[in-house]
Protein backbone atom coordinates (compact mmCIF):
# COMPACT_ATOMS: atom_id res chain seq x y z
CA MET A 1 -1.37 -11.25 -32.20
CA LYS A 2 -3.08 -11.82 -28.87
CA LEU A 3 -1.54 -14.73 -26.99
CA ILE A 4 -3.55 -16.76 -24.49
CA ARG A 5 -2.94 -19.82 -22.36
CA PHE A 6 -5.97 -21.88 -21.41
CA GLY A 7 -6.94 -24.93 -19.37
CA SER A 8 -6.74 -26.05 -15.76
CA GLU A 9 -4.13 -24.57 -13.45
CA GLY A 10 -0.70 -26.00 -14.18
CA GLN A 11 -1.93 -27.65 -17.39
CA GLU A 12 -2.37 -24.59 -19.60
CA LYS A 13 -2.05 -24.89 -23.38
CA PRO A 14 -1.08 -22.12 -25.82
CA GLY A 15 -3.69 -20.39 -27.93
CA LEU A 16 -4.65 -17.16 -29.64
CA GLN A 17 -7.48 -14.70 -29.14
CA LEU A 18 -8.88 -13.81 -32.53
CA GLU A 19 -11.48 -11.15 -33.26
CA ASN A 20 -14.46 -13.39 -32.49
CA LYS A 21 -13.07 -16.65 -31.15
CA ARG A 22 -10.18 -18.37 -29.39
CA ILE A 23 -8.08 -21.04 -31.07
CA ASP A 24 -5.88 -23.83 -29.73
CA ILE A 25 -2.35 -23.78 -31.16
CA SER A 26 -1.05 -26.75 -29.17
CA ALA A 27 0.18 -28.22 -32.48
CA PHE A 28 2.79 -25.44 -32.53
CA ALA A 29 4.25 -27.41 -29.59
CA GLU A 30 5.66 -24.48 -27.62
CA ASP A 31 4.57 -22.66 -24.49
CA PHE A 32 4.79 -18.87 -24.24
CA ASP A 33 7.83 -18.83 -21.98
CA GLU A 34 11.43 -17.61 -21.90
CA LYS A 35 12.56 -20.16 -24.50
CA PHE A 36 9.75 -19.12 -26.87
CA PHE A 37 10.55 -15.41 -26.72
CA GLU A 38 14.34 -15.76 -26.86
CA SER A 39 14.14 -17.96 -29.98
CA ASN A 40 12.15 -15.44 -32.06
CA GLY A 41 8.97 -17.29 -31.22
CA LEU A 42 6.57 -14.54 -32.24
CA GLU A 43 7.87 -14.44 -35.80
CA ARG A 44 8.05 -18.21 -36.03
CA LEU A 45 4.46 -18.44 -34.81
CA LYS A 46 3.31 -15.93 -37.44
CA ASP A 47 4.89 -18.06 -40.15
CA TRP A 48 3.39 -21.27 -38.72
CA LEU A 49 -0.10 -19.75 -38.68
CA LYS A 50 0.02 -19.01 -42.42
CA THR A 51 -0.37 -22.72 -43.18
CA ASN A 52 -1.84 -24.10 -39.95
CA GLN A 53 -4.37 -21.63 -38.55
CA ALA A 54 -7.30 -23.06 -40.49
CA ASN A 55 -6.76 -26.43 -38.79
CA CYS A 56 -6.56 -25.09 -35.24
CA PRO A 57 -9.46 -26.16 -32.97
CA THR A 58 -11.71 -23.54 -31.39
CA VAL A 59 -11.49 -23.03 -27.62
CA ASP A 60 -14.84 -22.70 -25.88
CA ASP A 61 -15.35 -19.36 -24.12
CA ALA A 62 -16.18 -21.25 -20.92
CA VAL A 63 -12.67 -22.72 -20.66
CA ARG A 64 -10.49 -21.14 -17.97
CA LEU A 65 -7.77 -18.72 -19.04
CA GLY A 66 -4.40 -18.84 -17.31
CA SER A 67 -1.66 -16.24 -17.37
CA PRO A 68 -0.78 -15.65 -21.03
CA ILE A 69 2.91 -15.89 -20.08
CA GLY A 70 4.47 -19.07 -18.71
CA ARG A 71 6.10 -18.40 -15.35
CA PRO A 72 8.75 -15.73 -16.06
CA SER A 73 12.12 -15.46 -14.36
CA LYS A 74 10.87 -12.34 -12.59
CA LEU A 75 8.00 -9.91 -12.20
CA VAL A 76 9.43 -6.43 -11.57
CA CYS A 77 7.11 -3.62 -10.50
CA VAL A 78 7.43 0.15 -10.55
CA GLY A 79 5.89 1.83 -7.51
CA LEU A 80 4.39 5.31 -7.22
CA ASN A 81 4.53 5.88 -10.98
CA TYR A 82 1.40 8.05 -11.24
CA ALA A 83 1.51 11.51 -9.72
CA LYS A 84 -2.05 11.40 -8.34
CA HIS A 85 -1.47 7.95 -6.80
CA ALA A 86 1.64 9.21 -4.99
CA GLU A 87 -0.43 12.13 -3.72
CA GLU A 88 -3.28 9.95 -2.43
CA THR A 89 -0.84 7.75 -0.47
CA ASN A 90 0.97 10.78 0.98
CA ALA A 91 4.22 9.81 -0.74
CA LYS A 92 6.59 12.26 -2.36
CA ILE A 93 6.96 12.19 -6.12
CA PRO A 94 9.97 9.92 -6.77
CA SER A 95 12.98 11.32 -8.60
CA GLU A 96 13.67 7.91 -10.17
CA PRO A 97 11.60 4.73 -10.47
CA VAL A 98 10.84 2.88 -7.25
CA LEU A 99 11.28 -0.86 -7.84
CA PHE A 100 10.03 -3.96 -6.07
CA PHE A 101 9.41 -7.59 -6.97
CA LYS A 102 6.32 -9.75 -6.86
CA SER A 103 6.77 -13.47 -6.39
CA THR A 104 6.18 -15.44 -9.58
CA THR A 105 4.07 -17.83 -7.47
CA ALA A 106 1.57 -14.97 -7.17
CA ILE A 107 0.78 -15.20 -10.90
CA VAL A 108 -2.68 -16.56 -11.75
CA GLY A 109 -5.20 -16.31 -14.55
CA PRO A 110 -7.21 -13.15 -15.21
CA ASN A 111 -10.46 -14.48 -13.74
CA ASP A 112 -9.17 -16.71 -10.95
CA ASN A 113 -10.21 -15.97 -7.38
CA VAL A 114 -8.00 -13.65 -5.35
CA ILE A 115 -7.31 -15.15 -1.94
CA ILE A 116 -7.29 -12.71 0.97
CA PRO A 117 -4.25 -13.97 2.92
CA LYS A 118 -4.33 -15.45 6.39
CA ASN A 119 -4.39 -12.64 9.00
CA SER A 120 -5.02 -9.97 6.35
CA GLU A 121 -7.25 -6.99 7.01
CA LYS A 122 -5.95 -4.59 4.32
CA THR A 123 -6.00 -6.33 0.93
CA ASP A 124 -6.16 -3.74 -1.86
CA TRP A 125 -6.52 -3.49 -5.65
CA GLU A 126 -4.28 -1.88 -8.32
CA VAL A 127 -4.99 -1.92 -12.05
CA GLU A 128 -1.72 -1.77 -13.99
CA LEU A 129 -0.25 -1.96 -17.47
CA ALA A 130 2.48 -4.60 -17.66
CA ILE A 131 5.23 -4.98 -20.27
CA VAL A 132 6.50 -8.34 -21.52
CA ILE A 133 10.18 -8.39 -22.47
CA GLY A 134 10.99 -9.96 -25.84
CA LYS A 135 14.76 -10.37 -25.70
CA LYS A 136 17.62 -10.18 -23.22
CA ALA A 137 18.13 -6.59 -22.09
CA SER A 138 21.09 -5.23 -20.16
CA TYR A 139 22.24 -1.60 -20.00
CA ILE A 140 19.97 -0.52 -22.84
CA SER A 141 19.15 3.10 -23.65
CA VAL A 142 15.71 4.73 -23.62
CA GLU A 143 15.92 4.97 -27.40
CA GLU A 144 16.50 1.20 -27.68
CA ALA A 145 13.78 0.17 -25.25
CA ASP A 146 10.97 -0.44 -27.76
CA ASP A 147 13.11 -3.03 -29.55
CA TYR A 148 13.14 -5.13 -26.37
CA ILE A 149 9.37 -5.16 -25.79
CA ALA A 150 7.36 -8.17 -26.97
CA GLY A 151 3.97 -6.89 -25.89
CA TYR A 152 1.65 -5.75 -23.15
CA VAL A 153 -0.71 -7.37 -20.65
CA LEU A 154 -3.26 -6.30 -18.04
CA HIS A 155 -2.17 -6.85 -14.41
CA ASN A 156 -3.97 -6.48 -11.08
CA ASP A 157 -1.18 -5.71 -8.59
CA VAL A 158 -3.11 -6.94 -5.55
CA SER A 159 -1.47 -5.69 -2.36
CA GLU A 160 -1.80 -6.30 1.39
CA ARG A 161 -1.12 -2.87 2.87
CA ALA A 162 -0.42 -3.92 6.45
CA PHE A 163 2.11 -6.50 5.25
CA GLN A 164 3.56 -3.97 2.79
CA ILE A 165 3.80 -0.87 4.97
CA GLU A 166 3.44 -1.76 8.63
CA LYS A 167 5.92 -4.64 8.79
CA GLU A 168 9.68 -4.19 8.73
CA GLY A 169 11.60 -4.49 5.47
CA GLN A 170 10.62 -4.18 1.85
CA TRP A 171 7.26 -4.09 0.10
CA CYS A 172 7.51 -7.67 -1.17
CA LYS A 173 5.77 -9.03 1.95
CA GLY A 174 2.56 -7.33 0.88
CA LYS A 175 2.95 -7.92 -2.84
CA GLY A 176 3.87 -11.55 -3.39
CA CYS A 177 1.06 -13.48 -1.70
CA ASP A 178 -0.56 -16.31 -3.64
CA THR A 179 -3.00 -15.06 -6.34
CA PHE A 180 -1.78 -11.45 -6.03
CA ALA A 181 -0.76 -11.15 -9.70
CA PRO A 182 -3.62 -11.92 -12.09
CA LEU A 183 -2.34 -11.52 -15.67
CA GLY A 184 -4.35 -11.51 -18.89
CA PRO A 185 -6.73 -12.26 -20.51
CA PHE A 186 -4.13 -12.08 -23.29
CA MET A 187 -0.76 -10.63 -24.14
CA ALA A 188 -1.08 -8.23 -27.06
CA THR A 189 2.02 -7.97 -29.21
CA LYS A 190 3.34 -4.42 -29.37
CA ASP A 191 2.03 -3.89 -32.91
CA GLU A 192 -1.50 -4.27 -31.46
CA VAL A 193 -0.99 -1.29 -29.10
CA LYS A 194 -0.71 2.13 -30.71
CA ASP A 195 0.77 3.97 -27.73
CA GLY A 196 1.33 2.27 -24.38
CA ASN A 197 1.93 5.68 -22.83
CA ASN A 198 -1.62 6.80 -23.57
CA LEU A 199 -4.06 4.03 -22.65
CA HIS A 200 -7.27 4.29 -20.65
CA LEU A 201 -7.32 1.99 -17.60
CA TRP A 202 -10.00 1.44 -14.95
CA LEU A 203 -11.11 -0.76 -12.06
CA ASP A 204 -14.49 -1.37 -10.41
CA VAL A 205 -15.23 -3.01 -7.07
CA ASN A 206 -18.76 -4.42 -6.80
CA GLY A 207 -19.75 -2.35 -9.82
CA GLU A 208 -18.43 0.97 -8.46
CA ARG A 209 -15.78 2.70 -10.58
CA LEU A 210 -12.85 3.42 -8.24
CA GLN A 211 -9.90 3.76 -10.62
CA ASP A 212 -10.31 5.64 -13.90
CA SER A 213 -7.22 7.15 -15.47
CA SER A 214 -4.73 6.98 -18.32
CA THR A 215 -1.13 5.86 -18.66
CA SER A 216 -0.51 9.40 -19.92
CA ASP A 217 -0.26 10.24 -16.19
CA PHE A 218 2.94 8.18 -15.88
CA ILE A 219 5.78 9.86 -14.03
CA PHE A 220 8.23 7.57 -15.87
CA ASN A 221 7.05 6.27 -19.23
CA ILE A 222 7.39 2.74 -20.58
CA GLN A 223 10.70 3.29 -22.36
CA HIS A 224 12.23 5.00 -19.34
CA CYS A 225 11.19 2.12 -17.06
CA VAL A 226 12.57 -0.62 -19.32
CA SER A 227 15.88 1.20 -19.79
CA TYR A 228 16.18 2.11 -16.10
CA ILE A 229 15.56 -1.42 -14.82
CA SER A 230 18.10 -2.83 -17.28
CA GLN A 231 20.81 -0.74 -15.60
CA PHE A 232 20.41 -2.79 -12.42
CA MET A 233 19.54 -6.30 -13.63
CA THR A 234 19.40 -8.31 -16.82
CA LEU A 235 15.89 -8.62 -18.13
CA LEU A 236 15.25 -12.00 -19.73
CA PRO A 237 12.78 -12.87 -22.49
CA GLY A 238 9.31 -13.33 -21.02
CA ASP A 239 10.04 -11.20 -17.95
CA VAL A 240 7.18 -8.94 -16.89
CA ILE A 241 7.47 -5.29 -15.81
CA SER A 242 4.39 -3.76 -14.17
CA THR A 243 4.32 0.00 -14.54
CA GLY A 244 2.38 1.21 -11.49
CA THR A 245 -1.20 2.07 -10.65
CA PRO A 246 -3.24 5.28 -10.90
CA PHE A 247 -5.19 6.94 -8.08
CA GLY A 248 -8.23 5.22 -6.58
CA VAL A 249 -6.70 2.40 -4.52
CA GLY A 250 -8.34 1.44 -1.24
CA LEU A 251 -5.47 2.84 0.80
CA GLY A 252 -6.14 6.31 -0.58
CA PHE A 253 -9.75 6.63 0.62
CA GLN A 254 -10.70 8.40 3.86
CA PRO A 255 -11.27 6.12 5.65
CA PRO A 256 -9.41 3.43 3.68
CA ARG A 257 -11.44 0.72 1.93
CA TYR A 258 -10.23 -2.85 1.60
CA LEU A 259 -11.43 -6.08 0.05
CA ARG A 260 -13.74 -8.43 1.91
CA PRO A 261 -14.75 -11.97 0.96
CA GLY A 262 -17.29 -11.87 -1.85
CA ASP A 263 -16.13 -8.55 -3.29
CA VAL A 264 -15.76 -8.57 -7.08
CA MET A 265 -13.02 -6.66 -8.88
CA ARG A 266 -13.48 -5.93 -12.59
CA LEU A 267 -10.72 -4.09 -14.43
CA GLY A 268 -9.48 -3.34 -17.89
CA ILE A 269 -7.10 -1.46 -20.13
CA GLU A 270 -7.87 -0.11 -23.57
CA GLY A 271 -6.96 -2.80 -26.11
CA LEU A 272 -5.89 -5.33 -23.48
CA GLY A 273 -9.20 -6.82 -22.40
CA VAL A 274 -10.93 -7.21 -19.06
CA GLN A 275 -10.32 -9.25 -15.90
CA GLU A 276 -12.75 -10.17 -13.15
CA GLN A 277 -11.82 -11.68 -9.79
CA THR A 278 -13.82 -12.54 -6.69
CA ALA A 279 -12.07 -12.07 -3.37
CA VAL A 280 -12.26 -15.17 -1.16
CA ALA A 281 -11.05 -15.83 2.37
CA TYR A 282 -7.98 -17.96 2.99
CA LYS A 283 -8.87 -21.48 4.11
């Protein structure tokens, strides 16, 4: 299944992306949130659709898409998880996953505007594969990790490099700004994705291809990341783990290139759809 949430910001309804249309499953009466995932929601939804799908209204393609996941308890990110990206940022290859958090208030829909923050001069792009956790995970092994994954979603890990690198403290200052975590257009359940560790991903700015790689370049694969993070914190159903970005970010160019108002980012991952955001100035 491909889960969507649609409608105006803060008023999103649950739906599904089918092969050639979107449908409204509001009659199922559940949002795609922690409660849904922890109560075997995916299987219950499959059963419900057997007798109810034919009666579900169609959602017009012009209707806004929100994040396909209701606000999770946390959005955990893995930094420097592609060898070539570490190289372009002059960082050493990490010996274990580098972790940071993005604020859940940064989460927006896949095609919402990205706001360049007040006093920002170094807002950057990062196409990433994100994992959605399906059940509570604590101290799990690498071998168990797949059992705890509900699905996958496209994520643009927008970053303000001056806030992230040049200010004291941790990376979260440059990662958690409003609109800095577009998710979607849909969450694909794991049965829809043949191999999350071998997916093509790309990002264009104003029509120019700047990131073009594969998750096969991971330093730490999906199962390693899920298991590793669960050693340090409990992952709850609906939590999102973003797995890092490949080479081609603005910081890595000589000289660096950053977003300006009016710039358009378009990005995608094989099997997970496409996002498009326009960068706008903070007002």
